[in-house]
Amino acid sequence: MPARHPLHPALVHFPLACWSLATFADVASLHFGERAWWLGGMLLLAGTALAVPAMLAGLYEMVRIPVDSSATRIAYLHMAAMLGAFTLYLASLLLRAGHFQLHQPGNASLVLDIAGFLALAAGGWCGGQLVYHHGIGTR
């Protein structure tokens, strides 16, 4: 049987990079102004759009994990953290979007960005456990 190449690990890099950079750009906008927050908003938009196919591919991979596997619990933690990150970043984006234009992030948006980044880090750690400790997606 030929080696299988799961799609989920290839797709997650894009929203992860966009959301991480958006968080840093929004925080940097406190010093650098409009250029930074506009970039942060565009990265939020791209990360949120690119997360949808990554999440769908992740769901496909998740149903392939045996129910009695020790990886199942970590997979659910990974999914919960990443859904949390998606929700937090989407809320931040929605707070900043009005009349099809991006606006400067307020305090609530910055808090949502930072909370999203923490959820992203936790979910990424769980994803790493799935791959490197349990071998999910490698066989």
Protein backbone atom coordinates (compact mmCIF):
# COMPACT_ATOMS: atom_id res chain seq x y z
CA MET A 1 0.00 0.00 0.00
CA PRO A 2 1.45 3.41 -0.94
CA ALA A 3 2.27 5.92 1.75
CA ARG A 4 -0.58 8.23 2.70
CA HIS A 5 -0.03 11.98 2.78
CA PRO A 6 -2.68 13.64 4.96
CA LEU A 7 -3.83 17.09 3.89
CA HIS A 8 -4.44 18.59 7.35
CA PRO A 9 -0.77 19.07 8.34
CA ALA A 10 -0.07 20.81 5.04
CA LEU A 11 -2.98 23.23 5.44
CA VAL A 12 -2.59 24.28 9.08
CA HIS A 13 0.58 26.28 8.50
CA PHE A 14 -1.28 29.03 6.65
CA PRO A 15 -3.87 30.02 9.30
CA LEU A 16 -1.30 29.48 12.06
CA ALA A 17 1.15 31.88 10.41
CA CYS A 18 -1.52 34.44 9.49
CA TRP A 19 -3.08 34.51 12.95
CA SER A 20 0.27 34.64 14.75
CA LEU A 21 1.51 37.48 12.57
CA ALA A 22 -1.86 39.26 12.93
CA THR A 23 -1.49 39.18 16.70
CA PHE A 24 2.01 40.64 16.52
CA ALA A 25 0.95 43.26 13.95
CA ASP A 26 -2.01 44.36 16.07
CA VAL A 27 0.14 44.69 19.18
CA ALA A 28 2.79 46.49 17.11
CA SER A 29 0.09 48.88 15.87
CA LEU A 30 0.14 50.48 19.31
CA HIS A 31 3.50 51.89 18.28
CA PHE A 32 3.48 51.82 14.45
CA GLY A 33 -0.11 52.86 13.76
CA GLU A 34 -2.29 52.25 10.73
CA ARG A 35 0.15 50.31 8.57
CA ALA A 36 0.52 47.67 11.28
CA TRP A 37 -3.16 47.35 12.21
CA TRP A 38 -4.22 47.23 8.56
CA LEU A 39 -1.75 44.40 7.97
CA GLY A 40 -3.04 42.69 11.13
CA GLY A 41 -6.61 42.94 9.90
CA MET A 42 -5.75 41.51 6.49
CA LEU A 43 -3.87 38.64 8.15
CA LEU A 44 -6.89 37.99 10.41
CA LEU A 45 -9.10 37.81 7.36
CA ALA A 46 -6.74 35.48 5.50
CA GLY A 47 -6.15 33.26 8.53
CA THR A 48 -9.85 32.91 9.22
CA ALA A 49 -10.63 32.04 5.58
CA LEU A 50 -7.73 29.58 5.34
CA ALA A 51 -8.69 27.90 8.62
CA VAL A 52 -11.92 26.52 7.16
CA PRO A 53 -10.30 23.99 4.78
CA ALA A 54 -7.71 23.13 7.44
CA MET A 55 -10.48 22.36 9.94
CA LEU A 56 -12.40 20.27 7.42
CA ALA A 57 -9.27 18.26 6.63
CA GLY A 58 -8.68 17.87 10.37
CA LEU A 59 -12.17 16.46 10.86
CA TYR A 60 -11.48 13.95 8.10
CA GLU A 61 -8.27 12.90 9.84
CA MET A 62 -9.97 12.75 13.23
CA VAL A 63 -12.54 10.15 12.16
CA ARG A 64 -9.63 7.91 11.18
CA ILE A 65 -8.38 7.75 14.79
CA PRO A 66 -9.60 4.56 16.49
CA VAL A 67 -12.11 5.37 19.25
CA ASP A 68 -10.21 3.30 21.80
CA SER A 69 -6.89 5.01 21.00
CA SER A 70 -5.09 6.99 23.68
CA ALA A 71 -4.82 9.75 21.05
CA THR A 72 -8.58 10.36 20.99
CA ARG A 73 -8.57 12.55 24.11
CA ILE A 74 -5.71 14.67 22.80
CA ALA A 75 -7.46 14.95 19.42
CA TYR A 76 -10.53 16.36 21.15
CA LEU A 77 -8.38 18.80 23.13
CA HIS A 78 -6.65 19.83 19.90
CA MET A 79 -10.00 20.35 18.19
CA ALA A 80 -11.42 22.34 21.12
CA ALA A 81 -8.37 24.62 21.34
CA MET A 82 -8.35 25.26 17.61
CA LEU A 83 -12.09 25.93 17.49
CA GLY A 84 -11.51 28.33 20.38
CA ALA A 85 -8.73 30.07 18.44
CA PHE A 86 -10.95 30.27 15.35
CA THR A 87 -13.80 31.77 17.38
CA LEU A 88 -11.57 34.30 19.15
CA TYR A 89 -9.88 35.46 15.95
CA LEU A 90 -13.20 35.62 14.10
CA ALA A 91 -14.67 37.74 16.92
CA SER A 92 -11.64 40.04 16.76
CA LEU A 93 -12.08 40.39 13.01
CA LEU A 94 -15.80 41.10 13.32
CA LEU A 95 -15.12 43.79 15.93
CA ARG A 96 -12.81 45.50 13.47
CA ALA A 97 -14.86 45.17 10.30
CA GLY A 98 -17.50 47.68 9.48
CA HIS A 99 -18.99 48.67 6.13
CA PHE A 100 -16.48 46.40 4.36
CA GLN A 101 -13.54 48.26 5.86
CA LEU A 102 -11.06 47.36 8.54
CA HIS A 103 -10.73 49.59 11.57
CA GLN A 104 -8.09 50.02 14.23
CA PRO A 105 -8.24 47.29 16.88
CA GLY A 106 -9.65 48.39 20.20
CA ASN A 107 -8.75 46.91 23.55
CA ALA A 108 -11.33 44.13 23.20
CA SER A 109 -9.93 43.13 19.82
CA LEU A 110 -6.37 43.07 21.18
CA VAL A 111 -7.46 40.89 24.11
CA LEU A 112 -9.22 38.52 21.69
CA ASP A 113 -6.07 38.36 19.53
CA ILE A 114 -3.88 37.48 22.51
CA ALA A 115 -6.37 34.91 23.81
CA GLY A 116 -6.59 33.44 20.30
CA PHE A 117 -2.81 33.19 20.17
CA LEU A 118 -2.75 31.32 23.49
CA ALA A 119 -5.46 28.93 22.25
CA LEU A 120 -3.50 28.50 19.02
CA ALA A 121 -0.35 27.63 20.98
CA ALA A 122 -2.21 25.09 23.14
CA GLY A 123 -3.87 23.53 20.10
CA GLY A 124 -0.56 23.40 18.26
CA TRP A 125 1.07 21.64 21.18
CA CYS A 126 -1.74 19.06 21.18
CA GLY A 127 -1.35 18.64 17.42
CA GLY A 128 2.35 18.02 17.90
CA GLN A 129 1.55 15.37 20.50
CA LEU A 130 -0.77 13.67 18.04
CA VAL A 131 1.91 13.52 15.35
CA TYR A 132 5.12 12.99 17.28
CA HIS A 133 3.91 10.94 20.24
CA HIS A 134 0.98 9.01 18.77
CA GLY A 135 2.01 8.90 15.10
CA ILE A 136 -1.35 10.23 13.88
CA GLY A 137 -1.16 11.11 10.18
CA THR A 138 2.22 9.45 9.70
CA ARG A 139 1.13 5.93 8.78
